[in-house]
N, C-alpha and C. Protein backbone atom coordinates (compact mmCIF):
# COMPACT_ATOMS: atom_id res chain seq x y z
N MET A 1 78.97 117.32 73.43
CA MET A 1 80.52 117.96 73.52
C MET A 1 81.83 116.92 72.89
N GLY A 2 81.71 116.02 73.42
CA GLY A 2 82.89 114.90 73.01
C GLY A 2 83.20 114.71 71.57
N PHE A 3 82.12 114.29 71.24
CA PHE A 3 81.75 114.44 69.50
C PHE A 3 82.68 115.89 68.70
N THR A 4 82.15 116.85 69.22
CA THR A 4 83.07 118.36 69.06
C THR A 4 84.32 118.29 68.76
N ARG A 5 84.38 118.12 69.73
CA ARG A 5 86.43 118.15 70.49
C ARG A 5 86.71 116.69 69.39
N LYS A 6 86.50 115.66 69.32
CA LYS A 6 86.73 114.59 68.33
C LYS A 6 87.19 114.98 66.85
N ALA A 7 85.92 115.79 66.28
CA ALA A 7 85.69 116.20 65.19
C ALA A 7 86.91 117.55 65.29
N GLY A 8 87.33 118.22 66.13
CA GLY A 8 88.40 119.72 65.98
C GLY A 8 89.83 118.62 65.98
N ASP A 9 89.35 117.34 66.52
CA ASP A 9 90.84 116.82 66.68
C ASP A 9 91.63 116.02 65.52
N TRP A 10 90.58 115.47 64.94
CA TRP A 10 90.29 114.59 63.62
C TRP A 10 90.72 115.68 62.16
N ALA A 11 90.44 116.87 62.35
CA ALA A 11 90.23 118.31 61.63
C ALA A 11 91.91 118.80 61.75
N PHE A 12 92.30 118.76 62.89
CA PHE A 12 93.36 119.35 63.32
C PHE A 12 94.88 118.44 62.54
N LYS A 13 94.27 116.70 63.07
CA LYS A 13 95.31 115.78 62.52
C LYS A 13 95.58 115.77 61.01
N ALA A 14 94.07 116.27 60.37
CA ALA A 14 94.00 115.79 58.65
C ALA A 14 95.10 117.52 58.35
N PHE A 15 94.36 118.87 59.37
CA PHE A 15 95.67 119.71 58.62
C PHE A 15 97.11 119.52 58.54
N THR A 16 97.29 119.37 59.77
CA THR A 16 98.73 118.53 59.78
C THR A 16 99.49 117.91 59.62
N ALA A 17 98.76 116.77 59.23
CA ALA A 17 99.22 115.72 57.86
C ALA A 17 99.40 115.96 56.82
N GLY A 18 98.64 117.35 56.46
CA GLY A 18 98.08 118.01 54.85
C GLY A 18 99.33 118.15 54.67
N LEU A 19 100.23 119.60 55.79
CA LEU A 19 100.92 120.02 56.33
C LEU A 19 102.52 119.41 55.67
N GLY A 20 102.50 118.28 56.21
CA GLY A 20 103.49 117.62 56.20
C GLY A 20 103.81 117.22 54.89
N VAL A 21 102.56 116.55 53.55
CA VAL A 21 102.90 115.90 52.76
C VAL A 21 103.20 117.18 51.96
N ALA A 22 102.74 118.39 52.39
CA ALA A 22 102.58 119.15 50.94
C ALA A 22 104.13 119.63 51.36
N THR A 23 104.59 119.99 52.57
CA THR A 23 106.18 120.26 53.08
C THR A 23 107.21 118.84 52.03
N VAL A 24 106.98 117.51 52.27
CA VAL A 24 107.39 116.52 51.43
C VAL A 24 107.43 116.91 50.22
N TYR A 25 106.45 116.75 49.88
CA TYR A 25 106.42 117.15 48.07
C TYR A 25 106.94 118.54 47.69
N LEU A 26 107.20 119.69 48.46
CA LEU A 26 107.71 120.58 48.22
C LEU A 26 109.71 120.49 48.07
N ALA A 27 109.69 119.77 49.24
CA ALA A 27 110.96 119.78 49.36
C ALA A 27 111.75 118.93 48.24
N ALA A 28 110.90 117.38 47.78
CA ALA A 28 111.35 116.83 46.83
C ALA A 28 111.27 117.59 45.49
N THR A 29 110.17 118.33 45.14
CA THR A 29 110.63 119.42 43.57
C THR A 29 111.56 119.94 44.08
N PHE A 30 112.02 120.43 44.87
CA PHE A 30 112.77 121.62 44.80
C PHE A 30 113.74 120.80 44.86
N SER A 31 113.96 120.03 44.90
CA SER A 31 115.33 119.25 44.77
C SER A 31 115.68 118.69 43.64
N VAL A 32 114.54 118.20 43.18
CA VAL A 32 114.96 118.02 41.72
C VAL A 32 114.65 119.29 40.54
N ASN A 33 114.33 120.01 41.32
CA ASN A 33 114.36 121.51 40.35
C ASN A 33 115.97 121.82 40.22
N VAL A 34 116.53 121.93 41.49
CA VAL A 34 118.29 122.62 41.43
C VAL A 34 118.87 121.64 40.67
N TYR A 35 118.40 120.23 41.05
CA TYR A 35 119.30 119.06 40.25
C TYR A 35 119.17 119.30 38.63
N ARG A 36 118.30 119.51 38.48
CA ARG A 36 118.15 120.13 36.99
C ARG A 36 118.30 121.56 36.29
N GLY A 37 118.76 122.58 37.01
CA GLY A 37 119.18 123.55 37.07
C GLY A 37 120.47 123.32 36.58
N LEU A 38 121.12 123.07 37.70
CA LEU A 38 123.12 122.67 37.87
C LEU A 38 122.82 121.78 36.64
N SER A 39 122.43 120.74 35.87
CA SER A 39 122.99 120.07 35.14
C SER A 39 122.53 120.73 33.66
N TRP A 40 121.61 121.49 33.55
CA TRP A 40 121.44 122.82 32.59
C TRP A 40 122.50 124.06 32.62
N HIS A 41 122.87 124.41 33.93
CA HIS A 41 124.34 125.26 33.79
C HIS A 41 125.54 124.66 33.31
N ASN A 42 126.06 123.25 33.32
CA ASN A 42 127.25 122.40 33.37
C ASN A 42 127.21 122.08 31.24
N ALA A 43 125.64 121.77 31.35
CA ALA A 43 125.84 122.03 29.75
C ALA A 43 126.20 122.97 29.26
N GLN A 44 125.81 124.24 29.38
CA GLN A 44 125.69 125.76 29.01
C GLN A 44 127.45 126.24 28.47
N SER A 45 127.78 125.81 30.15
CA SER A 45 129.40 125.70 30.53
C SER A 45 129.73 125.08 29.21
N LYS A 46 129.62 123.98 29.31
CA LYS A 46 130.51 122.94 28.29
C LYS A 46 130.03 123.35 26.40
N MET A 47 128.92 124.18 26.19
CA MET A 47 128.81 124.50 25.14
C MET A 47 129.52 125.73 24.89
N GLU A 48 129.40 126.56 25.49
CA GLU A 48 130.30 127.48 25.51
C GLU A 48 131.79 127.16 25.34
N LYS A 49 132.37 126.14 26.38
CA LYS A 49 133.71 126.17 26.23
C LYS A 49 134.00 125.24 24.65
N GLN A 50 133.01 124.97 23.78
CA GLN A 50 133.24 123.93 22.95
C GLN A 50 133.19 124.89 21.88
N ASP A 51 132.21 125.94 21.79
CA ASP A 51 132.45 126.95 21.12
C ASP A 51 133.32 128.27 20.97
N SER A 52 134.34 128.22 22.24
CA SER A 52 134.85 128.92 21.77
C SER A 52 136.47 128.23 21.48
N ASN A 53 136.30 126.91 21.78
CA ASN A 53 137.53 126.36 21.22
C ASN A 53 137.49 125.91 19.69
N ASP A 54 136.24 125.78 18.98
CA ASP A 54 136.31 125.93 17.73
C ASP A 54 136.30 127.15 16.92
N HIS A 55 136.32 128.67 17.78
CA HIS A 55 136.75 129.75 17.15
C HIS A 55 137.94 130.06 17.28
N ALA A 56 138.72 129.34 18.30
CA ALA A 56 140.07 129.48 18.15
C ALA A 56 140.58 129.24 17.33
N THR A 57 140.72 127.60 17.03
CA THR A 57 141.18 127.03 16.04
C THR A 57 141.11 127.11 14.45
């Protein structure tokens, strides 16, 4: 009975540790993707402004 309880405890700890690692990984990749998306959007906006200035002159 004691071995089964310890095995269950370790399985639960491993599962929750895996969830924690997955959460940290997803938060980090989400942040990187948001940064990349904003950078891309800013670059597109700058290119549009340049194009409109080029056509105006």
